[in-house]
Amino acid sequence: MSGTHLNTRYVVVDVETSGLDMKKDRLISIGAVALTDGKMDFSDAFQVVVRQDRISTHENILIHGIGGSAQSEGMDPAEASLLFLRYVGKSPLVAYHAFFDQSMIDKALVEYLGVKLEQSWIDLAWVLPDFFQFRADGRVPLDDWLQLFEIENILRHNAVSDAYATAKLMQVAIAAGNKKGADSPASFLKIEKARRWMYESR
């Protein structure tokens, strides 16, 4: 993956789902915000609610706030998946605890389009600890980092709002990375891989 942060368009992603079981639960919405040249462009954002054949539980709706009508009247899953692919293009993807977002999106893309995203995902949960002596591993809740940097999340568990807050964290990581020579998507992926290895080999 060539290029630096300052000539890369990142797509920062968050999803809302019917639950946390990656095998059984379903993708309900995707929110995404682009960072280009390290800056957020509010006109370059994405949000979709995917139509559900079965409405998620009341308890689940209380978390993400996407009601039964919104779920049943959402966008056709194949159309929503195609729109997301077009929005992402070839941009590297960024998320916090990215494995869940990646797994749920890949599951939907395979089911409805028969494809997977080919580009890399950068997991900020593992990158941030390399720059800040806050917590050493990638298990820290997103809210802890947001509080540390006084980043407001306007509507927690709304996909596009969470993506926006995560994009602000990505800007913090880019600024810190540039000071330490970690000035590219490839350098962030290398950091993530190394920190995962150190944590898992303990």
N, C-alpha and C. Protein backbone atom coordinates (compact mmCIF):
# COMPACT_ATOMS: atom_id res chain seq x y z
N MET A 1 0.85 -1.18 0.00
CA MET A 1 0.00 0.00 0.00
C MET A 1 0.89 1.24 0.00
N SER A 2 0.92 1.94 -1.13
CA SER A 2 1.82 3.07 -1.28
C SER A 2 1.13 4.37 -0.87
N GLY A 3 1.93 5.44 -0.80
CA GLY A 3 1.38 6.74 -0.48
C GLY A 3 1.49 7.07 0.99
N THR A 4 1.30 8.35 1.31
CA THR A 4 1.34 8.82 2.68
C THR A 4 -0.07 9.19 3.14
N HIS A 5 -0.19 9.52 4.43
CA HIS A 5 -1.49 9.96 4.94
C HIS A 5 -2.02 11.16 4.16
N LEU A 6 -1.10 12.02 3.74
CA LEU A 6 -1.51 13.28 3.13
C LEU A 6 -1.88 13.16 1.66
N ASN A 7 -1.73 11.97 1.08
CA ASN A 7 -2.28 11.80 -0.27
C ASN A 7 -3.15 10.55 -0.35
N THR A 8 -3.77 10.22 0.77
CA THR A 8 -4.63 9.04 0.86
C THR A 8 -6.05 9.45 1.23
N ARG A 9 -7.01 8.83 0.60
CA ARG A 9 -8.41 8.95 1.02
C ARG A 9 -8.74 7.72 1.86
N TYR A 10 -8.92 7.92 3.15
CA TYR A 10 -9.35 6.85 4.05
C TYR A 10 -10.88 6.86 4.15
N VAL A 11 -11.47 5.70 4.31
CA VAL A 11 -12.90 5.60 4.61
C VAL A 11 -13.03 5.00 6.01
N VAL A 12 -13.54 5.81 6.93
CA VAL A 12 -13.73 5.38 8.32
C VAL A 12 -15.14 4.84 8.47
N VAL A 13 -15.26 3.62 8.97
CA VAL A 13 -16.52 2.88 8.91
C VAL A 13 -17.01 2.48 10.30
N ASP A 14 -18.33 2.47 10.46
CA ASP A 14 -18.97 1.88 11.63
C ASP A 14 -20.26 1.22 11.17
N VAL A 15 -20.65 0.15 11.85
CA VAL A 15 -21.89 -0.56 11.50
C VAL A 15 -22.78 -0.70 12.73
N GLU A 16 -24.07 -0.84 12.47
CA GLU A 16 -25.02 -1.27 13.48
C GLU A 16 -25.63 -2.58 13.01
N THR A 17 -25.82 -3.49 13.95
CA THR A 17 -26.26 -4.83 13.62
C THR A 17 -27.38 -5.28 14.55
N SER A 18 -27.96 -6.44 14.24
CA SER A 18 -29.05 -6.97 15.07
C SER A 18 -28.52 -7.61 16.35
N GLY A 19 -27.21 -7.68 16.51
CA GLY A 19 -26.60 -8.26 17.70
C GLY A 19 -25.11 -8.42 17.48
N LEU A 20 -24.45 -9.11 18.39
CA LEU A 20 -22.99 -9.23 18.35
C LEU A 20 -22.49 -10.59 17.87
N ASP A 21 -23.41 -11.48 17.48
CA ASP A 21 -23.04 -12.79 16.97
C ASP A 21 -22.78 -12.66 15.47
N MET A 22 -21.51 -12.74 15.07
CA MET A 22 -21.16 -12.47 13.68
C MET A 22 -21.70 -13.53 12.72
N LYS A 23 -22.05 -14.71 13.25
CA LYS A 23 -22.60 -15.76 12.39
C LYS A 23 -24.11 -15.63 12.22
N LYS A 24 -24.79 -15.29 13.30
CA LYS A 24 -26.26 -15.30 13.27
C LYS A 24 -26.87 -13.92 13.02
N ASP A 25 -26.22 -12.87 13.49
CA ASP A 25 -26.84 -11.55 13.42
C ASP A 25 -26.62 -10.90 12.06
N ARG A 26 -27.38 -9.82 11.81
CA ARG A 26 -27.46 -9.22 10.49
C ARG A 26 -27.01 -7.76 10.52
N LEU A 27 -26.53 -7.31 9.39
CA LEU A 27 -26.14 -5.91 9.22
C LEU A 27 -27.39 -5.05 9.05
N ILE A 28 -27.52 -4.03 9.89
CA ILE A 28 -28.69 -3.15 9.81
C ILE A 28 -28.33 -1.82 9.15
N SER A 29 -27.20 -1.24 9.51
CA SER A 29 -26.82 0.02 8.88
C SER A 29 -25.31 0.15 8.79
N ILE A 30 -24.89 0.96 7.81
CA ILE A 30 -23.48 1.30 7.64
C ILE A 30 -23.37 2.82 7.64
N GLY A 31 -22.40 3.32 8.39
CA GLY A 31 -22.07 4.74 8.35
C GLY A 31 -20.60 4.88 8.02
N ALA A 32 -20.25 5.86 7.22
CA ALA A 32 -18.85 6.04 6.86
C ALA A 32 -18.57 7.52 6.59
N VAL A 33 -17.34 7.91 6.90
CA VAL A 33 -16.87 9.28 6.66
C VAL A 33 -15.49 9.17 6.04
N ALA A 34 -15.22 9.99 5.02
CA ALA A 34 -13.93 9.96 4.36
C ALA A 34 -12.98 11.00 4.95
N LEU A 35 -11.71 10.62 5.04
CA LEU A 35 -10.63 11.55 5.37
C LEU A 35 -9.73 11.63 4.16
N THR A 36 -9.59 12.81 3.60
CA THR A 36 -8.73 13.00 2.44
C THR A 36 -7.66 14.04 2.78
N ASP A 37 -6.41 13.67 2.55
CA ASP A 37 -5.29 14.54 2.93
C ASP A 37 -5.34 14.87 4.42
N GLY A 38 -5.86 13.94 5.22
CA GLY A 38 -5.94 14.13 6.66
C GLY A 38 -7.11 14.98 7.11
N LYS A 39 -7.93 15.43 6.18
CA LYS A 39 -9.05 16.32 6.53
C LYS A 39 -10.39 15.63 6.26
N MET A 40 -11.36 15.97 7.09
CA MET A 40 -12.69 15.41 6.94
C MET A 40 -13.51 16.26 5.98
N ASP A 41 -14.17 15.58 5.04
CA ASP A 41 -15.03 16.26 4.09
C ASP A 41 -16.46 15.81 4.35
N PHE A 42 -17.26 16.70 4.92
CA PHE A 42 -18.61 16.32 5.32
C PHE A 42 -19.50 16.00 4.12
N SER A 43 -19.09 16.45 2.93
CA SER A 43 -19.85 16.10 1.74
C SER A 43 -19.50 14.70 1.23
N ASP A 44 -18.43 14.14 1.78
CA ASP A 44 -17.97 12.80 1.39
C ASP A 44 -18.25 11.83 2.53
N ALA A 45 -19.53 11.55 2.72
CA ALA A 45 -19.97 10.65 3.79
C ALA A 45 -21.00 9.68 3.24
N PHE A 46 -21.26 8.64 4.02
CA PHE A 46 -22.16 7.57 3.55
C PHE A 46 -22.98 7.06 4.72
N GLN A 47 -24.26 6.86 4.48
CA GLN A 47 -25.12 6.26 5.50
C GLN A 47 -26.25 5.52 4.81
N VAL A 48 -26.50 4.30 5.25
CA VAL A 48 -27.60 3.53 4.69
C VAL A 48 -28.17 2.60 5.76
N VAL A 49 -29.49 2.45 5.72
CA VAL A 49 -30.17 1.43 6.52
C VAL A 49 -30.57 0.31 5.56
N VAL A 50 -30.17 -0.90 5.89
CA VAL A 50 -30.41 -2.05 5.04
C VAL A 50 -31.78 -2.67 5.40
N ARG A 51 -32.59 -2.89 4.40
CA ARG A 51 -33.92 -3.46 4.65
C ARG A 51 -33.82 -4.84 5.31
N GLN A 52 -34.65 -5.03 6.34
CA GLN A 52 -34.65 -6.27 7.11
C GLN A 52 -35.94 -7.05 6.88
N ASP A 53 -35.80 -8.34 6.63
CA ASP A 53 -36.98 -9.20 6.54
C ASP A 53 -37.55 -9.48 7.92
N ARG A 54 -36.66 -9.49 8.93
CA ARG A 54 -37.09 -9.68 10.31
C ARG A 54 -36.58 -8.50 11.12
N ILE A 55 -37.48 -7.84 11.81
CA ILE A 55 -37.10 -6.69 12.63
C ILE A 55 -36.31 -7.19 13.83
N SER A 56 -35.28 -6.45 14.21
CA SER A 56 -34.47 -6.86 15.36
C SER A 56 -35.26 -6.66 16.65
N THR A 57 -34.74 -7.19 17.73
CA THR A 57 -35.45 -7.18 19.01
C THR A 57 -35.61 -5.76 19.55
N HIS A 58 -36.56 -5.61 20.46
CA HIS A 58 -36.78 -4.31 21.10
C HIS A 58 -35.52 -3.84 21.82
N GLU A 59 -34.85 -4.77 22.49
CA GLU A 59 -33.62 -4.42 23.21
C GLU A 59 -32.54 -3.93 22.25
N ASN A 60 -32.46 -4.54 21.09
CA ASN A 60 -31.49 -4.13 20.09
C ASN A 60 -31.82 -2.75 19.52
N ILE A 61 -33.10 -2.50 19.29
CA ILE A 61 -33.53 -1.20 18.77
C ILE A 61 -33.21 -0.09 19.77
N LEU A 62 -33.32 -0.37 21.06
CA LEU A 62 -33.00 0.63 22.08
C LEU A 62 -31.53 1.04 22.01
N ILE A 63 -30.66 0.17 21.51
CA ILE A 63 -29.23 0.48 21.41
C ILE A 63 -28.96 1.41 20.24
N HIS A 64 -29.42 1.05 19.05
CA HIS A 64 -29.06 1.84 17.86
C HIS A 64 -30.15 2.80 17.40
N GLY A 65 -31.37 2.65 17.92
CA GLY A 65 -32.42 3.61 17.62
C GLY A 65 -33.03 3.48 16.24
N ILE A 66 -32.74 2.40 15.52
CA ILE A 66 -33.33 2.20 14.19
C ILE A 66 -34.58 1.35 14.37
N GLY A 67 -35.75 1.98 14.32
CA GLY A 67 -37.01 1.32 14.64
C GLY A 67 -37.47 0.34 13.57
N GLY A 68 -38.56 -0.33 13.90
CA GLY A 68 -39.09 -1.37 13.02
C GLY A 68 -39.45 -0.85 11.64
N SER A 69 -40.09 0.31 11.57
CA SER A 69 -40.48 0.87 10.27
C SER A 69 -39.26 1.20 9.43
N ALA A 70 -38.26 1.82 10.06
CA ALA A 70 -37.04 2.17 9.33
C ALA A 70 -36.33 0.91 8.82
N GLN A 71 -36.36 -0.15 9.62
CA GLN A 71 -35.72 -1.39 9.18
C GLN A 71 -36.48 -2.04 8.02
N SER A 72 -37.79 -2.10 8.13
CA SER A 72 -38.58 -2.77 7.08
C SER A 72 -38.64 -1.94 5.79
N GLU A 73 -38.41 -0.63 5.90
CA GLU A 73 -38.46 0.25 4.73
C GLU A 73 -37.06 0.65 4.24
N GLY A 74 -36.04 -0.04 4.76
CA GLY A 74 -34.67 0.28 4.37
C GLY A 74 -34.38 -0.07 2.92
N MET A 75 -33.14 0.21 2.51
CA MET A 75 -32.73 -0.04 1.12
C MET A 75 -32.55 -1.52 0.87
N ASP A 76 -32.88 -1.93 -0.34
CA ASP A 76 -32.64 -3.31 -0.76
C ASP A 76 -31.19 -3.69 -0.45
N PRO A 77 -30.96 -4.85 0.20
CA PRO A 77 -29.61 -5.19 0.64
C PRO A 77 -28.56 -5.22 -0.48
N ALA A 78 -28.93 -5.74 -1.64
CA ALA A 78 -27.97 -5.79 -2.75
C ALA A 78 -27.64 -4.38 -3.23
N GLU A 79 -28.65 -3.52 -3.32
CA GLU A 79 -28.42 -2.15 -3.75
C GLU A 79 -27.57 -1.39 -2.73
N ALA A 80 -27.87 -1.59 -1.44
CA ALA A 80 -27.09 -0.94 -0.38
C ALA A 80 -25.63 -1.40 -0.43
N SER A 81 -25.42 -2.68 -0.65
CA SER A 81 -24.06 -3.23 -0.72
C SER A 81 -23.30 -2.64 -1.90
N LEU A 82 -23.97 -2.53 -3.05
CA LEU A 82 -23.32 -1.99 -4.24
C LEU A 82 -22.98 -0.51 -4.05
N LEU A 83 -23.89 0.25 -3.44
CA LEU A 83 -23.62 1.66 -3.18
C LEU A 83 -22.41 1.83 -2.27
N PHE A 84 -22.30 0.96 -1.26
CA PHE A 84 -21.16 1.04 -0.35
C PHE A 84 -19.86 0.73 -1.08
N LEU A 85 -19.87 -0.28 -1.93
CA LEU A 85 -18.67 -0.60 -2.70
C LEU A 85 -18.23 0.57 -3.56
N ARG A 86 -19.19 1.22 -4.19
CA ARG A 86 -18.87 2.37 -5.04
C ARG A 86 -18.34 3.52 -4.20
N TYR A 87 -18.90 3.72 -3.03
CA TYR A 87 -18.43 4.80 -2.15
C TYR A 87 -16.99 4.56 -1.70
N VAL A 88 -16.71 3.33 -1.31
CA VAL A 88 -15.37 3.00 -0.81
C VAL A 88 -14.32 3.11 -1.91
N GLY A 89 -14.65 2.60 -3.10
CA GLY A 89 -13.66 2.57 -4.17
C GLY A 89 -12.46 1.74 -3.76
N LYS A 90 -11.27 2.30 -3.90
CA LYS A 90 -10.04 1.59 -3.53
C LYS A 90 -9.43 2.13 -2.23
N SER A 91 -10.19 2.92 -1.50
CA SER A 91 -9.68 3.54 -0.28
C SER A 91 -9.41 2.51 0.81
N PRO A 92 -8.32 2.64 1.56
CA PRO A 92 -8.15 1.81 2.75
C PRO A 92 -9.23 2.14 3.77
N LEU A 93 -9.64 1.13 4.52
CA LEU A 93 -10.72 1.28 5.48
C LEU A 93 -10.17 1.38 6.89
N VAL A 94 -10.87 2.12 7.72
CA VAL A 94 -10.47 2.34 9.11
C VAL A 94 -11.67 2.11 10.00
N ALA A 95 -11.47 1.45 11.12
CA ALA A 95 -12.54 1.28 12.10
C ALA A 95 -11.91 1.09 13.47
N TYR A 96 -12.74 1.13 14.49
CA TYR A 96 -12.28 0.85 15.85
C TYR A 96 -12.82 -0.53 16.21
N HIS A 97 -11.93 -1.46 16.59
CA HIS A 97 -12.26 -2.87 16.70
C HIS A 97 -12.81 -3.34 15.36
N ALA A 98 -11.96 -3.21 14.35
CA ALA A 98 -12.37 -3.35 12.96
C ALA A 98 -12.83 -4.75 12.58
N PHE A 99 -12.39 -5.77 13.32
CA PHE A 99 -12.73 -7.13 12.93
C PHE A 99 -14.23 -7.34 12.85
N PHE A 100 -14.96 -6.75 13.79
CA PHE A 100 -16.42 -6.92 13.79
C PHE A 100 -17.05 -6.24 12.57
N ASP A 101 -16.67 -4.98 12.34
CA ASP A 101 -17.22 -4.24 11.19
C ASP A 101 -16.88 -4.96 9.89
N GLN A 102 -15.63 -5.37 9.76
CA GLN A 102 -15.19 -6.05 8.55
C GLN A 102 -15.97 -7.35 8.34
N SER A 103 -16.12 -8.12 9.40
CA SER A 103 -16.81 -9.41 9.29
C SER A 103 -18.26 -9.24 8.88
N MET A 104 -18.95 -8.26 9.47
CA MET A 104 -20.36 -8.07 9.17
C MET A 104 -20.56 -7.52 7.75
N ILE A 105 -19.67 -6.63 7.32
CA ILE A 105 -19.78 -6.09 5.96
C ILE A 105 -19.43 -7.17 4.94
N ASP A 106 -18.35 -7.93 5.19
CA ASP A 106 -17.98 -9.00 4.26
C ASP A 106 -19.10 -10.04 4.16
N LYS A 107 -19.71 -10.36 5.28
CA LYS A 107 -20.80 -11.33 5.29
C LYS A 107 -21.94 -10.85 4.38
N ALA A 108 -22.30 -9.57 4.49
CA ALA A 108 -23.38 -9.03 3.67
C ALA A 108 -22.99 -8.97 2.19
N LEU A 109 -21.75 -8.54 1.92
CA LEU A 109 -21.31 -8.45 0.53
C LEU A 109 -21.28 -9.81 -0.15
N VAL A 110 -20.83 -10.82 0.58
CA VAL A 110 -20.81 -12.18 0.01
C VAL A 110 -22.24 -12.68 -0.23
N GLU A 111 -23.12 -12.43 0.74
CA GLU A 111 -24.49 -12.92 0.63
C GLU A 111 -25.23 -12.25 -0.53
N TYR A 112 -25.07 -10.95 -0.68
CA TYR A 112 -25.89 -10.22 -1.64
C TYR A 112 -25.21 -9.95 -2.98
N LEU A 113 -23.88 -9.92 -3.01
CA LEU A 113 -23.17 -9.63 -4.25
C LEU A 113 -22.15 -10.69 -4.64
N GLY A 114 -21.82 -11.58 -3.70
CA GLY A 114 -20.84 -12.61 -4.00
C GLY A 114 -19.41 -12.10 -4.04
N VAL A 115 -19.13 -10.99 -3.35
CA VAL A 115 -17.78 -10.42 -3.35
C VAL A 115 -17.37 -10.05 -1.93
N LYS A 116 -16.07 -9.78 -1.76
CA LYS A 116 -15.52 -9.23 -0.51
C LYS A 116 -14.68 -8.01 -0.84
N LEU A 117 -14.57 -7.11 0.13
CA LEU A 117 -13.65 -5.99 -0.03
C LEU A 117 -12.23 -6.52 -0.03
N GLU A 118 -11.43 -6.07 -0.98
CA GLU A 118 -10.07 -6.58 -1.11
C GLU A 118 -9.05 -5.75 -0.34
N GLN A 119 -9.38 -4.49 -0.05
CA GLN A 119 -8.38 -3.63 0.57
C GLN A 119 -8.25 -3.89 2.07
N SER A 120 -7.20 -3.33 2.63
CA SER A 120 -6.89 -3.55 4.04
C SER A 120 -7.77 -2.71 4.96
N TRP A 121 -7.95 -3.22 6.16
CA TRP A 121 -8.61 -2.50 7.24
C TRP A 121 -7.56 -2.12 8.28
N ILE A 122 -7.58 -0.88 8.72
CA ILE A 122 -6.71 -0.41 9.80
C ILE A 122 -7.55 -0.33 11.07
N ASP A 123 -7.10 -1.01 12.12
CA ASP A 123 -7.83 -1.02 13.39
C ASP A 123 -7.17 -0.03 14.35
N LEU A 124 -7.86 1.09 14.57
CA LEU A 124 -7.31 2.13 15.44
C LEU A 124 -7.12 1.66 16.87
N ALA A 125 -7.87 0.65 17.29
CA ALA A 125 -7.73 0.15 18.66
C ALA A 125 -6.32 -0.36 18.92
N TRP A 126 -5.61 -0.79 17.87
CA TRP A 126 -4.25 -1.29 18.03
C TRP A 126 -3.21 -0.27 17.64
N VAL A 127 -3.58 0.71 16.83
CA VAL A 127 -2.62 1.72 16.38
C VAL A 127 -2.40 2.80 17.44
N LEU A 128 -3.48 3.28 18.02
CA LEU A 128 -3.39 4.38 18.98
C LEU A 128 -2.44 4.10 20.15
N PRO A 129 -2.44 2.89 20.74
CA PRO A 129 -1.53 2.65 21.88
C PRO A 129 -0.05 2.78 21.54
N ASP A 130 0.30 2.76 20.25
CA ASP A 130 1.69 2.91 19.88
C ASP A 130 2.16 4.35 20.03
N PHE A 131 1.23 5.28 20.05
CA PHE A 131 1.57 6.70 20.12
C PHE A 131 1.29 7.35 21.47
N PHE A 132 0.42 6.74 22.25
CA PHE A 132 -0.01 7.36 23.50
C PHE A 132 0.06 6.37 24.65
N GLN A 133 0.65 6.78 25.74
CA GLN A 133 0.79 5.92 26.91
C GLN A 133 -0.50 5.96 27.74
N PHE A 134 -1.54 5.45 27.16
CA PHE A 134 -2.84 5.45 27.83
C PHE A 134 -3.18 4.04 28.27
N ARG A 135 -3.32 3.16 27.32
CA ARG A 135 -3.51 1.74 27.60
C ARG A 135 -2.69 0.96 26.58
N ALA A 136 -2.16 -0.17 26.98
CA ALA A 136 -1.15 -0.85 26.16
C ALA A 136 -1.73 -1.76 25.09
N ASP A 137 -3.00 -2.13 25.17
CA ASP A 137 -3.51 -3.12 24.23
C ASP A 137 -4.74 -2.60 23.49
N GLY A 138 -5.25 -3.43 22.59
CA GLY A 138 -6.36 -3.01 21.75
C GLY A 138 -7.73 -3.33 22.30
N ARG A 139 -7.83 -3.62 23.60
CA ARG A 139 -9.13 -3.98 24.18
C ARG A 139 -9.85 -2.78 24.79
N VAL A 140 -9.29 -1.60 24.67
CA VAL A 140 -9.86 -0.41 25.30
C VAL A 140 -11.16 -0.03 24.59
N PRO A 141 -12.22 0.27 25.33
CA PRO A 141 -13.46 0.72 24.68
C PRO A 141 -13.25 2.03 23.94
N LEU A 142 -13.96 2.20 22.85
CA LEU A 142 -13.88 3.42 22.05
C LEU A 142 -14.13 4.65 22.90
N ASP A 143 -15.11 4.59 23.78
CA ASP A 143 -15.47 5.75 24.58
C ASP A 143 -14.32 6.25 25.45
N ASP A 144 -13.42 5.36 25.87
CA ASP A 144 -12.28 5.77 26.70
C ASP A 144 -11.34 6.68 25.91
N TRP A 145 -11.07 6.32 24.66
CA TRP A 145 -10.21 7.16 23.83
C TRP A 145 -10.89 8.49 23.49
N LEU A 146 -12.18 8.43 23.22
CA LEU A 146 -12.91 9.67 22.91
C LEU A 146 -12.87 10.62 24.10
N GLN A 147 -13.02 10.07 25.29
CA GLN A 147 -12.98 10.90 26.50
C GLN A 147 -11.58 11.48 26.71
N LEU A 148 -10.55 10.68 26.45
CA LEU A 148 -9.17 11.13 26.63
C LEU A 148 -8.88 12.37 25.77
N PHE A 149 -9.36 12.36 24.55
CA PHE A 149 -9.09 13.46 23.63
C PHE A 149 -10.25 14.46 23.53
N GLU A 150 -11.22 14.31 24.43
CA GLU A 150 -12.36 15.22 24.49
C GLU A 150 -13.06 15.33 23.14
N ILE A 151 -13.28 14.18 22.52
CA ILE A 151 -14.00 14.12 21.25
C ILE A 151 -15.46 13.79 21.54
N GLU A 152 -16.33 14.65 21.09
CA GLU A 152 -17.76 14.46 21.33
C GLU A 152 -18.34 13.51 20.30
N ASN A 153 -19.10 12.54 20.79
CA ASN A 153 -19.86 11.66 19.90
C ASN A 153 -21.33 12.06 20.04
N ILE A 154 -21.85 12.72 19.03
CA ILE A 154 -23.17 13.34 19.13
C ILE A 154 -24.27 12.31 19.40
N LEU A 155 -24.18 11.17 18.74
CA LEU A 155 -25.24 10.17 18.88
C LEU A 155 -24.59 8.79 18.92
N ARG A 156 -24.24 8.33 20.11
CA ARG A 156 -23.56 7.04 20.27
C ARG A 156 -24.45 5.92 19.76
N HIS A 157 -23.82 4.96 19.08
CA HIS A 157 -24.48 3.82 18.45
C HIS A 157 -25.35 4.21 17.27
N ASN A 158 -25.06 5.38 16.70
CA ASN A 158 -25.54 5.72 15.37
C ASN A 158 -24.33 5.55 14.46
N ALA A 159 -24.48 4.78 13.38
CA ALA A 159 -23.31 4.37 12.61
C ALA A 159 -22.52 5.56 12.07
N VAL A 160 -23.18 6.54 11.49
CA VAL A 160 -22.43 7.65 10.90
C VAL A 160 -21.83 8.55 11.99
N SER A 161 -22.52 8.69 13.14
CA SER A 161 -21.99 9.48 14.24
C SER A 161 -20.75 8.80 14.84
N ASP A 162 -20.83 7.48 15.01
CA ASP A 162 -19.67 6.74 15.50
C ASP A 162 -18.51 6.79 14.51
N ALA A 163 -18.82 6.74 13.21
CA ALA A 163 -17.78 6.85 12.19
C ALA A 163 -17.12 8.22 12.25
N TYR A 164 -17.92 9.26 12.45
CA TYR A 164 -17.38 10.62 12.55
C TYR A 164 -16.42 10.72 13.75
N ALA A 165 -16.84 10.20 14.91
CA ALA A 165 -15.99 10.25 16.11
C ALA A 165 -14.71 9.45 15.89
N THR A 166 -14.83 8.30 15.23
CA THR A 166 -13.64 7.48 14.94
C THR A 166 -12.72 8.20 13.96
N ALA A 167 -13.30 8.93 13.01
CA ALA A 167 -12.49 9.71 12.07
C ALA A 167 -11.70 10.79 12.79
N LYS A 168 -12.29 11.39 13.81
CA LYS A 168 -11.55 12.38 14.61
C LYS A 168 -10.36 11.70 15.31
N LEU A 169 -10.57 10.48 15.80
CA LEU A 169 -9.47 9.73 16.40
C LEU A 169 -8.39 9.42 15.36
N MET A 170 -8.82 9.10 14.14
CA MET A 170 -7.86 8.83 13.08
C MET A 170 -7.03 10.07 12.80
N GLN A 171 -7.63 11.25 12.85
CA GLN A 171 -6.86 12.48 12.67
C GLN A 171 -5.81 12.64 13.77
N VAL A 172 -6.17 12.30 15.00
CA VAL A 172 -5.22 12.34 16.11
C VAL A 172 -4.07 11.37 15.85
N ALA A 173 -4.42 10.16 15.38
CA ALA A 173 -3.39 9.15 15.10
C ALA A 173 -2.48 9.59 13.97
N ILE A 174 -3.04 10.19 12.92
CA ILE A 174 -2.24 10.66 11.79
C ILE A 174 -1.25 11.72 12.25
N ALA A 175 -1.72 12.68 13.05
CA ALA A 175 -0.83 13.74 13.55
C ALA A 175 0.30 13.16 14.37
N ALA A 176 -0.02 12.20 15.25
CA ALA A 176 1.01 11.57 16.08
C ALA A 176 1.95 10.72 15.23
N GLY A 177 1.39 10.02 14.27
CA GLY A 177 2.19 9.17 13.40
C GLY A 177 3.18 9.97 12.56
N ASN A 178 2.72 11.09 12.04
CA ASN A 178 3.62 11.92 11.22
C ASN A 178 4.84 12.38 12.01
N LYS A 179 4.66 12.64 13.30
CA LYS A 179 5.77 13.09 14.14
C LYS A 179 6.78 11.97 14.39
N LYS A 180 6.31 10.71 14.29
CA LYS A 180 7.19 9.58 14.58
C LYS A 180 7.60 8.82 13.31
N GLY A 181 7.30 9.41 12.16
CA GLY A 181 7.69 8.76 10.91
C GLY A 181 6.74 7.70 10.42
N ALA A 182 5.64 7.51 11.12
CA ALA A 182 4.61 6.56 10.69
C ALA A 182 3.59 7.34 9.86
N ASP A 183 4.01 7.65 8.63
CA ASP A 183 3.28 8.64 7.84
C ASP A 183 2.51 8.05 6.67
N SER A 184 2.14 6.76 6.78
CA SER A 184 1.48 6.11 5.65
C SER A 184 0.51 5.04 6.13
N PRO A 185 -0.44 4.63 5.27
CA PRO A 185 -1.31 3.50 5.62
C PRO A 185 -0.50 2.25 5.94
N ALA A 186 0.56 2.01 5.14
CA ALA A 186 1.38 0.82 5.36
C ALA A 186 2.03 0.83 6.74
N SER A 187 2.45 2.00 7.20
CA SER A 187 3.08 2.08 8.52
C SER A 187 2.07 1.78 9.62
N PHE A 188 0.84 2.21 9.46
CA PHE A 188 -0.19 1.91 10.46
C PHE A 188 -0.50 0.42 10.49
N LEU A 189 -0.55 -0.21 9.33
CA LEU A 189 -0.79 -1.65 9.28
C LEU A 189 0.36 -2.42 9.93
N LYS A 190 1.58 -1.93 9.74
CA LYS A 190 2.75 -2.57 10.36
C LYS A 190 2.69 -2.44 11.88
N ILE A 191 2.30 -1.26 12.38
CA ILE A 191 2.15 -1.05 13.82
C ILE A 191 1.10 -1.99 14.39
N GLU A 192 -0.04 -2.06 13.72
CA GLU A 192 -1.12 -2.92 14.19
C GLU A 192 -0.67 -4.38 14.28
N LYS A 193 -0.02 -4.85 13.24
CA LYS A 193 0.45 -6.24 13.21
C LYS A 193 1.43 -6.52 14.35
N ALA A 194 2.37 -5.58 14.59
CA ALA A 194 3.37 -5.76 15.63
C ALA A 194 2.74 -5.76 17.02
N ARG A 195 1.81 -4.86 17.26
CA ARG A 195 1.19 -4.78 18.59
C ARG A 195 0.29 -5.98 18.85
N ARG A 196 -0.39 -6.46 17.85
CA ARG A 196 -1.19 -7.68 18.01
C ARG A 196 -0.28 -8.85 18.37
N TRP A 197 0.85 -8.95 17.68
CA TRP A 197 1.78 -10.06 17.93
C TRP A 197 2.30 -9.99 19.36
N MET A 198 2.69 -8.78 19.79
CA MET A 198 3.22 -8.63 21.15
C MET A 198 2.18 -9.01 22.20
N TYR A 199 0.94 -8.58 21.97
CA TYR A 199 -0.13 -8.86 22.93
C TYR A 199 -0.46 -10.35 22.97
N GLU A 200 -0.56 -10.96 21.82
CA GLU A 200 -0.98 -12.35 21.74
C GLU A 200 0.13 -13.32 22.13
N SER A 201 1.38 -12.87 22.11
CA SER A 201 2.50 -13.76 22.45
C SER A 201 2.88 -13.69 23.93
N ARG A 202 2.14 -12.92 24.71
CA ARG A 202 2.45 -12.83 26.13
C ARG A 202 2.17 -14.14 26.84
